[in-house]
């Protein structure tokens, strides 16, 4: 942060370095801005959870750069799951899938699932391709309204560094939440766009 209270946004290379060093970053996405940390940095995940004040039974979601990376985070996907994900991603759709092995507990639910999203923004996906999938959650302490833009997020968490990306305006609304672990897709939360194939939801 600068002395005047305005955020000093990191360049992409600086953001990657900070994440590698175990920082929690405020980052713009294609939906709401959020708090982010690398999955392989336990100290960062712990700090993120502390900042969020989130109950331990409510796991963080994961941002992935593409479907291939999402496969590595989840247990074996059925052909039907693969077909759905190929239609929905990239996009503002967070999908609950069976969790793969060796994921940090911060992103795995008590039911053994993980929530993953491939964002609809090329620069953000490029950053994720370099950093690896990131734990993500909206920029707000649990129980408070989430920040809907980066200035509000930075004001809420003035101690954190921020990455805004280039032309990543956000949707001012959380992503849709879809459970794919049952016999049919189940929409748990509507998002800024309808599912591409709502007849199957």
N, C-alpha and C. Protein backbone atom coordinates (compact mmCIF):
# COMPACT_ATOMS: atom_id res chain seq x y z
N UNK A 1 0.84 -1.19 0.00
CA UNK A 1 0.00 0.00 0.00
C UNK A 1 0.88 1.24 0.00
N UNK A 2 0.38 2.31 -0.57
CA UNK A 2 1.10 3.57 -0.52
C UNK A 2 0.69 4.33 0.72
N UNK A 3 1.44 5.41 1.02
CA UNK A 3 1.15 6.17 2.23
C UNK A 3 -0.20 6.85 2.17
N UNK A 4 -0.70 7.10 0.95
CA UNK A 4 -1.99 7.76 0.82
C UNK A 4 -3.16 6.82 0.92
N UNK A 5 -2.90 5.51 1.10
CA UNK A 5 -3.99 4.56 1.26
C UNK A 5 -4.42 3.90 -0.02
N UNK A 6 -3.82 4.31 -1.17
CA UNK A 6 -4.16 3.67 -2.42
C UNK A 6 -3.29 2.43 -2.61
N UNK A 7 -3.85 1.41 -3.25
CA UNK A 7 -3.10 0.19 -3.47
C UNK A 7 -2.02 0.41 -4.53
N UNK A 8 -0.85 -0.18 -4.31
CA UNK A 8 0.18 -0.24 -5.34
C UNK A 8 0.08 -1.62 -5.96
N UNK A 9 -0.46 -1.67 -7.18
CA UNK A 9 -0.69 -2.95 -7.80
C UNK A 9 0.62 -3.55 -8.32
N UNK A 10 0.79 -4.83 -8.07
CA UNK A 10 1.97 -5.54 -8.52
C UNK A 10 1.87 -5.86 -10.01
N UNK A 11 3.01 -5.86 -10.68
CA UNK A 11 3.08 -6.43 -12.02
C UNK A 11 2.95 -7.95 -11.90
N UNK A 12 2.65 -8.60 -13.01
CA UNK A 12 2.43 -10.04 -12.97
C UNK A 12 3.65 -10.78 -12.44
N UNK A 13 4.84 -10.39 -12.87
CA UNK A 13 6.06 -11.06 -12.40
C UNK A 13 6.23 -10.87 -10.89
N UNK A 14 5.91 -9.69 -10.40
CA UNK A 14 6.00 -9.43 -8.97
C UNK A 14 4.98 -10.26 -8.20
N UNK A 15 3.78 -10.38 -8.76
CA UNK A 15 2.74 -11.18 -8.10
C UNK A 15 3.16 -12.64 -8.02
N UNK A 16 3.74 -13.17 -9.09
CA UNK A 16 4.19 -14.56 -9.08
C UNK A 16 5.28 -14.76 -8.03
N UNK A 17 6.19 -13.80 -7.92
CA UNK A 17 7.26 -13.90 -6.93
C UNK A 17 6.69 -13.87 -5.52
N UNK A 18 5.74 -12.97 -5.27
CA UNK A 18 5.13 -12.86 -3.94
C UNK A 18 4.40 -14.15 -3.57
N UNK A 19 3.65 -14.71 -4.52
CA UNK A 19 2.95 -15.96 -4.25
C UNK A 19 3.93 -17.08 -3.94
N UNK A 20 5.04 -17.13 -4.69
CA UNK A 20 6.05 -18.16 -4.47
C UNK A 20 6.67 -18.04 -3.08
N UNK A 21 6.78 -16.80 -2.58
CA UNK A 21 7.37 -16.56 -1.27
C UNK A 21 6.38 -16.78 -0.13
N UNK A 22 5.13 -17.16 -0.46
CA UNK A 22 4.16 -17.47 0.57
C UNK A 22 3.23 -16.33 0.95
N UNK A 23 3.08 -15.36 0.05
CA UNK A 23 2.19 -14.24 0.33
C UNK A 23 0.74 -14.60 0.04
N UNK A 24 -0.16 -13.90 0.72
CA UNK A 24 -1.57 -13.89 0.35
C UNK A 24 -1.80 -12.62 -0.45
N UNK A 25 -2.33 -12.75 -1.65
CA UNK A 25 -2.54 -11.60 -2.52
C UNK A 25 -4.01 -11.32 -2.75
N UNK A 26 -4.35 -10.04 -2.80
CA UNK A 26 -5.63 -9.62 -3.35
C UNK A 26 -5.50 -9.64 -4.86
N UNK A 27 -6.44 -10.28 -5.54
CA UNK A 27 -6.35 -10.39 -6.98
C UNK A 27 -7.71 -10.16 -7.63
N UNK A 28 -7.68 -9.44 -8.75
CA UNK A 28 -8.88 -9.28 -9.56
C UNK A 28 -9.14 -10.57 -10.31
N UNK A 29 -10.40 -10.92 -10.48
CA UNK A 29 -10.78 -12.08 -11.26
C UNK A 29 -11.89 -11.68 -12.23
N UNK A 30 -12.42 -12.66 -12.94
CA UNK A 30 -13.52 -12.38 -13.85
C UNK A 30 -14.85 -12.27 -13.12
N UNK A 31 -14.86 -12.56 -11.81
CA UNK A 31 -16.07 -12.34 -10.99
C UNK A 31 -15.71 -11.34 -9.90
N UNK A 32 -15.72 -11.76 -8.64
CA UNK A 32 -15.35 -10.86 -7.55
C UNK A 32 -13.84 -10.89 -7.31
N UNK A 33 -13.27 -9.77 -6.84
CA UNK A 33 -11.88 -9.86 -6.39
C UNK A 33 -11.80 -10.76 -5.17
N UNK A 34 -10.61 -11.31 -4.93
CA UNK A 34 -10.52 -12.25 -3.82
C UNK A 34 -9.14 -12.32 -3.20
N UNK A 35 -9.05 -13.13 -2.14
CA UNK A 35 -7.81 -13.46 -1.46
C UNK A 35 -7.28 -14.75 -2.07
N UNK A 36 -5.98 -14.78 -2.34
CA UNK A 36 -5.41 -15.93 -3.05
C UNK A 36 -4.07 -16.35 -2.46
N UNK A 37 -3.81 -17.66 -2.49
CA UNK A 37 -2.54 -18.20 -2.02
C UNK A 37 -2.25 -19.49 -2.74
N UNK A 38 -0.97 -19.84 -2.85
CA UNK A 38 -0.59 -21.09 -3.48
C UNK A 38 -0.97 -22.29 -2.63
N UNK A 39 -1.37 -23.36 -3.31
CA UNK A 39 -1.78 -24.57 -2.60
C UNK A 39 -0.62 -25.24 -1.88
N UNK A 40 0.60 -25.02 -2.37
CA UNK A 40 1.76 -25.68 -1.78
C UNK A 40 2.52 -24.79 -0.80
N UNK A 41 1.85 -23.78 -0.27
CA UNK A 41 2.44 -22.90 0.72
C UNK A 41 1.56 -22.94 1.98
N UNK A 42 1.79 -23.90 2.89
CA UNK A 42 0.91 -24.06 4.06
C UNK A 42 0.78 -22.79 4.90
N UNK A 43 1.88 -22.05 5.03
CA UNK A 43 1.81 -20.84 5.85
C UNK A 43 0.90 -19.79 5.21
N UNK A 44 0.88 -19.75 3.88
CA UNK A 44 0.01 -18.80 3.19
C UNK A 44 -1.46 -19.22 3.33
N UNK A 45 -1.72 -20.52 3.22
CA UNK A 45 -3.09 -21.00 3.39
C UNK A 45 -3.59 -20.72 4.80
N UNK A 46 -2.72 -20.89 5.78
CA UNK A 46 -3.10 -20.62 7.17
C UNK A 46 -3.42 -19.15 7.35
N UNK A 47 -2.58 -18.27 6.77
CA UNK A 47 -2.84 -16.83 6.90
C UNK A 47 -4.12 -16.45 6.18
N UNK A 48 -4.35 -17.05 5.01
CA UNK A 48 -5.57 -16.75 4.26
C UNK A 48 -6.79 -17.12 5.10
N UNK A 49 -6.77 -18.28 5.72
CA UNK A 49 -7.90 -18.72 6.55
C UNK A 49 -8.10 -17.78 7.73
N UNK A 50 -6.99 -17.30 8.31
CA UNK A 50 -7.09 -16.37 9.43
C UNK A 50 -7.71 -15.05 8.98
N UNK A 51 -7.26 -14.55 7.84
CA UNK A 51 -7.81 -13.30 7.31
C UNK A 51 -9.30 -13.44 7.00
N UNK A 52 -9.66 -14.59 6.45
CA UNK A 52 -11.05 -14.82 6.05
C UNK A 52 -11.96 -15.05 7.25
N UNK A 53 -11.39 -15.62 8.34
CA UNK A 53 -12.18 -15.99 9.52
C UNK A 53 -13.28 -16.98 9.13
N UNK A 54 -12.90 -17.90 8.25
CA UNK A 54 -13.86 -18.84 7.70
C UNK A 54 -13.88 -20.13 8.52
N UNK A 55 -15.06 -20.68 8.83
CA UNK A 55 -15.11 -21.96 9.54
C UNK A 55 -14.35 -23.04 8.77
N UNK A 56 -13.70 -23.94 9.49
CA UNK A 56 -12.88 -24.96 8.85
C UNK A 56 -13.69 -25.94 8.01
N UNK A 57 -15.01 -26.03 8.25
CA UNK A 57 -15.81 -26.96 7.44
C UNK A 57 -16.30 -26.32 6.15
N UNK A 58 -15.86 -25.07 5.88
CA UNK A 58 -16.20 -24.41 4.62
C UNK A 58 -14.90 -24.18 3.85
N UNK A 59 -14.54 -25.11 2.97
CA UNK A 59 -13.24 -25.02 2.30
C UNK A 59 -13.15 -23.87 1.31
N UNK A 60 -11.93 -23.49 1.00
CA UNK A 60 -11.65 -22.49 -0.02
C UNK A 60 -11.83 -23.13 -1.38
N UNK A 61 -12.20 -22.34 -2.39
CA UNK A 61 -12.25 -22.88 -3.74
C UNK A 61 -10.86 -22.79 -4.36
N UNK A 62 -10.71 -23.38 -5.54
CA UNK A 62 -9.43 -23.40 -6.24
C UNK A 62 -9.62 -22.83 -7.64
N UNK A 63 -8.76 -21.88 -8.01
CA UNK A 63 -8.72 -21.39 -9.38
C UNK A 63 -7.66 -22.17 -10.15
N UNK A 64 -8.03 -22.71 -11.30
CA UNK A 64 -7.13 -23.50 -12.12
C UNK A 64 -7.01 -22.85 -13.50
N UNK A 65 -5.87 -23.06 -14.18
CA UNK A 65 -5.70 -22.42 -15.48
C UNK A 65 -6.47 -23.08 -16.61
N UNK A 66 -6.78 -24.37 -16.46
CA UNK A 66 -7.44 -25.09 -17.55
C UNK A 66 -7.99 -26.41 -17.02
N UNK A 67 -8.68 -27.12 -17.92
CA UNK A 67 -9.31 -28.38 -17.54
C UNK A 67 -8.26 -29.42 -17.16
N UNK A 68 -7.14 -29.42 -17.84
CA UNK A 68 -6.09 -30.39 -17.51
C UNK A 68 -5.62 -30.23 -16.06
N UNK A 69 -5.42 -28.98 -15.64
CA UNK A 69 -5.01 -28.74 -14.26
C UNK A 69 -6.11 -29.16 -13.30
N UNK A 70 -7.36 -28.93 -13.67
CA UNK A 70 -8.47 -29.33 -12.81
C UNK A 70 -8.51 -30.84 -12.63
N UNK A 71 -8.16 -31.57 -13.70
CA UNK A 71 -8.11 -33.03 -13.58
C UNK A 71 -7.13 -33.47 -12.50
N UNK A 72 -6.01 -32.76 -12.41
CA UNK A 72 -4.99 -33.15 -11.44
C UNK A 72 -5.41 -32.86 -10.00
N UNK A 73 -6.42 -32.03 -9.83
CA UNK A 73 -6.91 -31.67 -8.50
C UNK A 73 -8.06 -32.55 -8.04
N UNK A 74 -8.64 -33.29 -8.95
CA UNK A 74 -9.83 -34.06 -8.63
C UNK A 74 -9.58 -35.55 -8.82
N UNK A 75 -10.48 -36.33 -8.26
CA UNK A 75 -10.45 -37.77 -8.51
C UNK A 75 -10.87 -38.02 -9.96
N UNK A 76 -10.86 -39.25 -10.37
CA UNK A 76 -11.19 -39.58 -11.76
C UNK A 76 -12.53 -38.98 -12.17
N UNK A 77 -12.52 -38.25 -13.29
CA UNK A 77 -13.74 -37.64 -13.80
C UNK A 77 -14.40 -38.56 -14.82
N UNK A 78 -15.72 -38.65 -14.75
CA UNK A 78 -16.46 -39.46 -15.71
C UNK A 78 -16.54 -38.72 -17.04
N UNK A 79 -16.83 -39.42 -18.13
CA UNK A 79 -17.02 -38.74 -19.42
C UNK A 79 -18.10 -37.66 -19.35
N UNK A 80 -19.16 -37.90 -18.58
CA UNK A 80 -20.22 -36.88 -18.45
C UNK A 80 -19.69 -35.63 -17.76
N UNK A 81 -18.88 -35.80 -16.72
CA UNK A 81 -18.28 -34.64 -16.04
C UNK A 81 -17.38 -33.87 -17.01
N UNK A 82 -16.54 -34.60 -17.74
CA UNK A 82 -15.63 -33.96 -18.69
C UNK A 82 -16.41 -33.14 -19.72
N UNK A 83 -17.52 -33.70 -20.19
CA UNK A 83 -18.32 -33.00 -21.18
C UNK A 83 -18.91 -31.71 -20.62
N UNK A 84 -19.43 -31.78 -19.39
CA UNK A 84 -19.99 -30.59 -18.76
C UNK A 84 -18.90 -29.53 -18.57
N UNK A 85 -17.77 -29.92 -18.03
CA UNK A 85 -16.71 -28.96 -17.75
C UNK A 85 -16.19 -28.30 -19.02
N UNK A 86 -16.09 -29.06 -20.09
CA UNK A 86 -15.63 -28.49 -21.36
C UNK A 86 -16.58 -27.42 -21.87
N UNK A 87 -17.87 -27.55 -21.56
CA UNK A 87 -18.85 -26.53 -21.98
C UNK A 87 -18.83 -25.31 -21.07
N UNK A 88 -18.57 -25.52 -19.77
CA UNK A 88 -18.68 -24.43 -18.81
C UNK A 88 -17.42 -23.61 -18.64
N UNK A 89 -16.27 -24.20 -18.89
CA UNK A 89 -15.00 -23.50 -18.64
C UNK A 89 -14.31 -23.15 -19.95
N UNK A 90 -13.58 -22.02 -19.96
CA UNK A 90 -13.50 -21.04 -18.87
C UNK A 90 -14.82 -20.28 -18.73
N UNK A 91 -15.12 -19.91 -17.51
CA UNK A 91 -16.36 -19.20 -17.24
C UNK A 91 -16.59 -19.02 -15.76
N UNK A 92 -17.63 -18.26 -15.38
CA UNK A 92 -17.89 -17.95 -13.98
C UNK A 92 -18.67 -19.05 -13.27
N UNK A 93 -18.15 -20.29 -13.39
CA UNK A 93 -18.84 -21.45 -12.83
C UNK A 93 -17.87 -22.23 -11.95
N UNK A 94 -18.11 -22.20 -10.65
CA UNK A 94 -17.34 -23.00 -9.71
C UNK A 94 -18.02 -24.34 -9.58
N UNK A 95 -17.25 -25.41 -9.78
CA UNK A 95 -17.83 -26.75 -9.86
C UNK A 95 -17.29 -27.62 -8.74
N UNK A 96 -18.18 -28.25 -8.01
CA UNK A 96 -17.80 -29.16 -6.93
C UNK A 96 -17.57 -30.54 -7.53
N UNK A 97 -16.34 -31.07 -7.29
CA UNK A 97 -15.92 -32.34 -7.84
C UNK A 97 -15.34 -33.22 -6.74
N UNK A 98 -15.23 -34.52 -6.97
CA UNK A 98 -14.54 -35.36 -5.99
C UNK A 98 -13.08 -34.92 -5.87
N UNK A 99 -12.60 -34.73 -4.66
CA UNK A 99 -11.24 -34.24 -4.44
C UNK A 99 -10.21 -35.31 -4.74
N UNK A 100 -9.12 -34.88 -5.35
CA UNK A 100 -8.00 -35.78 -5.58
C UNK A 100 -7.19 -35.98 -4.31
N UNK A 101 -6.23 -36.86 -4.40
CA UNK A 101 -5.38 -37.14 -3.24
C UNK A 101 -4.37 -36.01 -3.03
N UNK A 102 -3.95 -35.86 -1.78
CA UNK A 102 -2.85 -34.95 -1.42
C UNK A 102 -3.18 -33.47 -1.55
N UNK A 103 -4.44 -33.12 -1.65
CA UNK A 103 -4.79 -31.70 -1.62
C UNK A 103 -4.73 -31.20 -0.17
N UNK A 104 -4.40 -29.93 0.04
CA UNK A 104 -4.41 -29.40 1.41
C UNK A 104 -5.83 -29.40 1.97
N UNK A 105 -5.92 -29.60 3.27
CA UNK A 105 -7.25 -29.67 3.90
C UNK A 105 -8.03 -28.38 3.74
N UNK A 106 -7.35 -27.26 3.52
CA UNK A 106 -8.04 -25.97 3.40
C UNK A 106 -8.98 -25.92 2.20
N UNK A 107 -8.78 -26.80 1.20
CA UNK A 107 -9.63 -26.76 0.01
C UNK A 107 -10.49 -28.01 -0.15
N UNK A 108 -10.45 -28.89 0.84
CA UNK A 108 -11.23 -30.14 0.75
C UNK A 108 -12.36 -30.11 1.78
N UNK A 109 -13.57 -30.40 1.34
CA UNK A 109 -14.72 -30.40 2.23
C UNK A 109 -14.74 -31.65 3.10
N UNK A 110 -15.52 -31.63 4.19
CA UNK A 110 -15.67 -32.86 4.99
C UNK A 110 -16.23 -34.02 4.17
N UNK A 111 -16.90 -33.73 3.06
CA UNK A 111 -17.46 -34.78 2.20
C UNK A 111 -16.44 -35.29 1.18
N UNK A 112 -15.23 -34.74 1.21
CA UNK A 112 -14.20 -35.19 0.28
C UNK A 112 -14.33 -34.60 -1.10
N UNK A 113 -14.80 -33.36 -1.19
CA UNK A 113 -14.96 -32.71 -2.49
C UNK A 113 -14.07 -31.46 -2.54
N UNK A 114 -13.86 -30.98 -3.75
CA UNK A 114 -13.11 -29.75 -3.97
C UNK A 114 -13.89 -28.90 -4.98
N UNK A 115 -13.92 -27.58 -4.76
CA UNK A 115 -14.62 -26.65 -5.65
C UNK A 115 -13.58 -25.96 -6.53
N UNK A 116 -13.74 -26.10 -7.85
CA UNK A 116 -12.75 -25.62 -8.81
C UNK A 116 -13.41 -24.71 -9.84
N UNK A 117 -12.65 -23.70 -10.27
CA UNK A 117 -13.12 -22.82 -11.35
C UNK A 117 -11.96 -22.49 -12.28
N UNK A 118 -12.23 -22.49 -13.56
CA UNK A 118 -11.29 -21.98 -14.56
C UNK A 118 -11.83 -20.63 -15.02
N UNK A 119 -11.17 -19.54 -14.63
CA UNK A 119 -11.73 -18.20 -14.87
C UNK A 119 -11.72 -17.82 -16.35
N UNK A 120 -12.68 -16.99 -16.71
CA UNK A 120 -12.84 -16.53 -18.08
C UNK A 120 -12.05 -15.24 -18.30
N UNK A 121 -10.74 -15.33 -18.08
CA UNK A 121 -9.87 -14.18 -18.32
C UNK A 121 -8.49 -14.69 -18.68
N UNK A 122 -8.03 -14.36 -19.86
CA UNK A 122 -6.80 -14.94 -20.40
C UNK A 122 -5.57 -14.61 -19.56
N UNK A 123 -5.45 -13.36 -19.12
CA UNK A 123 -4.26 -12.98 -18.35
C UNK A 123 -4.24 -13.69 -17.00
N UNK A 124 -5.38 -13.81 -16.36
CA UNK A 124 -5.43 -14.53 -15.09
C UNK A 124 -5.10 -16.00 -15.29
N UNK A 125 -5.61 -16.62 -16.34
CA UNK A 125 -5.26 -18.01 -16.61
C UNK A 125 -3.77 -18.15 -16.89
N UNK A 126 -3.18 -17.14 -17.54
CA UNK A 126 -1.75 -17.17 -17.77
C UNK A 126 -0.96 -17.13 -16.48
N UNK A 127 -1.40 -16.28 -15.54
CA UNK A 127 -0.74 -16.24 -14.24
C UNK A 127 -0.87 -17.59 -13.53
N UNK A 128 -2.04 -18.18 -13.59
CA UNK A 128 -2.27 -19.48 -12.94
C UNK A 128 -1.42 -20.58 -13.57
N UNK A 129 -1.16 -20.48 -14.86
CA UNK A 129 -0.33 -21.48 -15.51
C UNK A 129 1.09 -21.45 -14.96
N UNK A 130 1.54 -20.26 -14.55
CA UNK A 130 2.88 -20.12 -13.97
C UNK A 130 2.88 -20.42 -12.47
N UNK A 131 1.89 -19.95 -11.77
CA UNK A 131 1.87 -20.10 -10.30
C UNK A 131 1.41 -21.48 -9.86
N UNK A 132 0.63 -22.14 -10.71
CA UNK A 132 -0.10 -23.32 -10.30
C UNK A 132 -1.44 -22.91 -9.74
N UNK A 133 -2.39 -23.85 -9.60
CA UNK A 133 -3.71 -23.51 -9.06
C UNK A 133 -3.59 -22.80 -7.72
N UNK A 134 -4.50 -21.85 -7.50
CA UNK A 134 -4.47 -21.05 -6.27
C UNK A 134 -5.73 -21.26 -5.45
N UNK A 135 -5.56 -21.33 -4.14
CA UNK A 135 -6.71 -21.24 -3.24
C UNK A 135 -7.29 -19.84 -3.35
N UNK A 136 -8.60 -19.75 -3.33
CA UNK A 136 -9.26 -18.47 -3.58
C UNK A 136 -10.52 -18.35 -2.74
N UNK A 137 -10.79 -17.12 -2.31
CA UNK A 137 -12.04 -16.83 -1.61
C UNK A 137 -12.33 -15.35 -1.77
N UNK A 138 -13.58 -14.96 -1.66
CA UNK A 138 -13.94 -13.56 -1.83
C UNK A 138 -13.26 -12.68 -0.79
N UNK A 139 -13.09 -11.42 -1.12
CA UNK A 139 -12.36 -10.48 -0.27
C UNK A 139 -13.29 -9.88 0.78
N UNK A 140 -13.44 -10.61 1.86
CA UNK A 140 -14.24 -10.15 2.98
C UNK A 140 -14.06 -11.12 4.14
N UNK A 141 -14.08 -10.63 5.38
CA UNK A 141 -14.16 -11.56 6.51
C UNK A 141 -15.50 -12.29 6.46
N UNK A 142 -15.51 -13.54 6.88
CA UNK A 142 -16.73 -14.34 6.86
C UNK A 142 -17.86 -13.59 7.57
N UNK A 143 -19.04 -13.60 6.96
CA UNK A 143 -20.20 -12.94 7.53
C UNK A 143 -20.41 -11.53 7.06
N UNK A 144 -19.42 -10.94 6.37
CA UNK A 144 -19.56 -9.59 5.83
C UNK A 144 -19.77 -9.65 4.32
N UNK A 145 -20.29 -8.57 3.76
CA UNK A 145 -20.51 -8.51 2.32
C UNK A 145 -19.16 -8.48 1.60
N UNK A 146 -19.01 -9.22 0.51
CA UNK A 146 -17.74 -9.23 -0.21
C UNK A 146 -17.50 -7.93 -0.96
N UNK A 147 -16.22 -7.57 -1.09
CA UNK A 147 -15.85 -6.43 -1.93
C UNK A 147 -16.20 -6.75 -3.38
N UNK A 148 -16.73 -5.78 -4.10
CA UNK A 148 -17.12 -6.02 -5.49
C UNK A 148 -16.15 -5.41 -6.49
N UNK A 149 -15.15 -4.67 -6.00
CA UNK A 149 -14.11 -4.17 -6.90
C UNK A 149 -12.80 -4.09 -6.14
N UNK A 150 -11.71 -3.88 -6.86
CA UNK A 150 -10.40 -3.90 -6.23
C UNK A 150 -10.18 -2.77 -5.22
N UNK A 151 -10.62 -1.53 -5.48
CA UNK A 151 -10.43 -0.50 -4.45
C UNK A 151 -11.10 -0.87 -3.12
N UNK A 152 -12.30 -1.45 -3.20
CA UNK A 152 -12.98 -1.85 -1.96
C UNK A 152 -12.24 -3.00 -1.29
N UNK A 153 -11.73 -3.94 -2.08
CA UNK A 153 -10.98 -5.05 -1.52
C UNK A 153 -9.71 -4.57 -0.83
N UNK A 154 -9.01 -3.64 -1.46
CA UNK A 154 -7.78 -3.10 -0.88
C UNK A 154 -8.06 -2.31 0.39
N UNK A 155 -9.18 -1.61 0.43
CA UNK A 155 -9.55 -0.88 1.64
C UNK A 155 -9.88 -1.83 2.78
N UNK A 156 -10.45 -2.99 2.44
CA UNK A 156 -10.83 -3.97 3.45
C UNK A 156 -9.62 -4.70 4.02
N UNK A 157 -8.59 -4.89 3.18
CA UNK A 157 -7.37 -5.59 3.60
C UNK A 157 -6.15 -4.74 3.25
N UNK A 158 -5.95 -3.63 3.95
CA UNK A 158 -4.90 -2.68 3.57
C UNK A 158 -3.48 -3.22 3.72
N UNK A 159 -3.30 -4.31 4.46
CA UNK A 159 -1.94 -4.85 4.65
C UNK A 159 -1.49 -5.75 3.51
N UNK A 160 -2.41 -6.11 2.61
CA UNK A 160 -2.08 -7.07 1.56
C UNK A 160 -1.66 -6.38 0.27
N UNK A 161 -0.75 -7.01 -0.44
CA UNK A 161 -0.40 -6.57 -1.78
C UNK A 161 -1.50 -7.01 -2.74
N UNK A 162 -1.55 -6.36 -3.90
CA UNK A 162 -2.66 -6.60 -4.82
C UNK A 162 -2.16 -6.73 -6.26
N UNK A 163 -2.86 -7.57 -7.01
CA UNK A 163 -2.64 -7.73 -8.45
C UNK A 163 -3.98 -7.53 -9.14
N UNK A 164 -4.03 -6.57 -10.04
CA UNK A 164 -5.30 -6.24 -10.69
C UNK A 164 -5.42 -6.84 -12.08
N UNK A 165 -4.28 -7.24 -12.66
CA UNK A 165 -4.35 -7.74 -14.02
C UNK A 165 -4.59 -6.60 -15.00
N UNK A 166 -4.73 -6.95 -16.24
CA UNK A 166 -4.96 -5.96 -17.28
C UNK A 166 -6.32 -6.21 -17.91
N UNK A 167 -7.23 -5.27 -17.74
CA UNK A 167 -8.55 -5.44 -18.34
C UNK A 167 -9.35 -6.56 -17.72
N UNK A 168 -9.23 -6.73 -16.40
CA UNK A 168 -9.97 -7.80 -15.71
C UNK A 168 -11.05 -7.13 -14.85
N UNK A 169 -12.16 -6.70 -15.46
CA UNK A 169 -13.11 -5.84 -14.75
C UNK A 169 -13.95 -6.54 -13.70
N UNK A 170 -14.07 -7.86 -13.79
CA UNK A 170 -14.93 -8.55 -12.85
C UNK A 170 -16.39 -8.44 -13.23
N UNK A 171 -17.22 -9.22 -12.55
CA UNK A 171 -18.65 -9.25 -12.84
C UNK A 171 -19.48 -8.69 -11.69
N UNK A 172 -18.80 -8.25 -10.60
CA UNK A 172 -19.48 -7.70 -9.42
C UNK A 172 -20.45 -8.69 -8.80
N UNK A 173 -20.22 -9.97 -9.04
CA UNK A 173 -21.07 -11.01 -8.50
C UNK A 173 -20.26 -12.30 -8.38
N UNK A 174 -20.55 -13.06 -7.34
CA UNK A 174 -19.85 -14.34 -7.17
C UNK A 174 -20.19 -15.28 -8.31
N UNK A 175 -19.30 -16.24 -8.54
CA UNK A 175 -19.54 -17.24 -9.57
C UNK A 175 -20.71 -18.14 -9.20
N UNK A 176 -21.28 -18.79 -10.21
CA UNK A 176 -22.26 -19.84 -9.94
C UNK A 176 -21.55 -20.99 -9.23
N UNK A 177 -22.31 -21.76 -8.45
CA UNK A 177 -21.77 -22.92 -7.75
C UNK A 177 -22.59 -24.13 -8.17
N UNK A 178 -21.92 -25.11 -8.76
CA UNK A 178 -22.61 -26.27 -9.32
C UNK A 178 -21.98 -27.54 -8.75
N UNK A 179 -22.81 -28.43 -8.23
CA UNK A 179 -22.34 -29.70 -7.67
C UNK A 179 -22.45 -30.79 -8.75
N UNK A 180 -21.30 -31.37 -9.10
CA UNK A 180 -21.29 -32.42 -10.10
C UNK A 180 -21.05 -33.80 -9.50
N UNK A 181 -21.16 -33.93 -8.19
CA UNK A 181 -20.85 -35.21 -7.55
C UNK A 181 -22.05 -36.15 -7.48
N UNK A 182 -23.22 -35.67 -7.86
CA UNK A 182 -24.41 -36.52 -7.84
C UNK A 182 -24.73 -37.08 -9.21
N UNK A 183 -25.90 -37.64 -9.32
CA UNK A 183 -26.32 -38.24 -10.59
C UNK A 183 -26.52 -37.19 -11.67
N UNK A 184 -26.93 -35.98 -11.27
CA UNK A 184 -27.14 -34.89 -12.20
C UNK A 184 -26.55 -33.62 -11.63
N UNK A 185 -26.14 -32.64 -12.47
CA UNK A 185 -25.65 -31.37 -11.97
C UNK A 185 -26.70 -30.68 -11.10
N UNK A 186 -26.26 -30.09 -10.01
CA UNK A 186 -27.17 -29.39 -9.10
C UNK A 186 -26.64 -27.99 -8.85
N UNK A 187 -27.42 -26.98 -9.21
CA UNK A 187 -27.01 -25.59 -9.02
C UNK A 187 -27.27 -25.18 -7.58
N UNK A 188 -26.21 -24.85 -6.86
CA UNK A 188 -26.33 -24.43 -5.46
C UNK A 188 -26.38 -22.92 -5.33
N UNK A 189 -25.84 -22.22 -6.33
CA UNK A 189 -25.86 -20.74 -6.32
C UNK A 189 -25.83 -20.25 -7.75
N UNK A 190 -26.72 -19.34 -8.07
CA UNK A 190 -26.73 -18.73 -9.38
C UNK A 190 -25.57 -17.74 -9.49
N UNK A 191 -25.05 -17.57 -10.70
CA UNK A 191 -23.95 -16.65 -10.91
C UNK A 191 -24.29 -15.57 -11.92
N UNK A 192 -23.27 -14.89 -12.44
CA UNK A 192 -23.52 -13.79 -13.37
C UNK A 192 -23.99 -14.24 -14.74
N UNK A 193 -23.79 -15.52 -15.08
CA UNK A 193 -24.26 -16.04 -16.36
C UNK A 193 -24.95 -17.37 -16.13
N UNK A 194 -25.97 -17.68 -16.92
CA UNK A 194 -26.58 -19.01 -16.81
C UNK A 194 -25.65 -20.07 -17.35
N UNK A 195 -25.83 -21.30 -16.90
CA UNK A 195 -25.06 -22.40 -17.45
C UNK A 195 -25.32 -22.52 -18.96
N UNK A 196 -24.29 -22.87 -19.73
CA UNK A 196 -24.50 -22.98 -21.20
C UNK A 196 -25.53 -24.00 -21.59
N UNK A 197 -25.77 -25.03 -20.75
CA UNK A 197 -26.74 -26.06 -21.09
C UNK A 197 -27.70 -26.23 -19.90
N UNK A 198 -28.55 -25.22 -19.63
CA UNK A 198 -29.40 -25.29 -18.44
C UNK A 198 -30.38 -26.45 -18.44
N UNK A 199 -30.63 -27.03 -19.59
CA UNK A 199 -31.54 -28.16 -19.63
C UNK A 199 -31.04 -29.38 -18.87
N UNK A 200 -29.71 -29.42 -18.62
CA UNK A 200 -29.14 -30.54 -17.89
C UNK A 200 -28.92 -30.23 -16.42
N UNK A 201 -29.33 -29.03 -15.94
CA UNK A 201 -29.03 -28.63 -14.57
C UNK A 201 -30.19 -28.88 -13.66
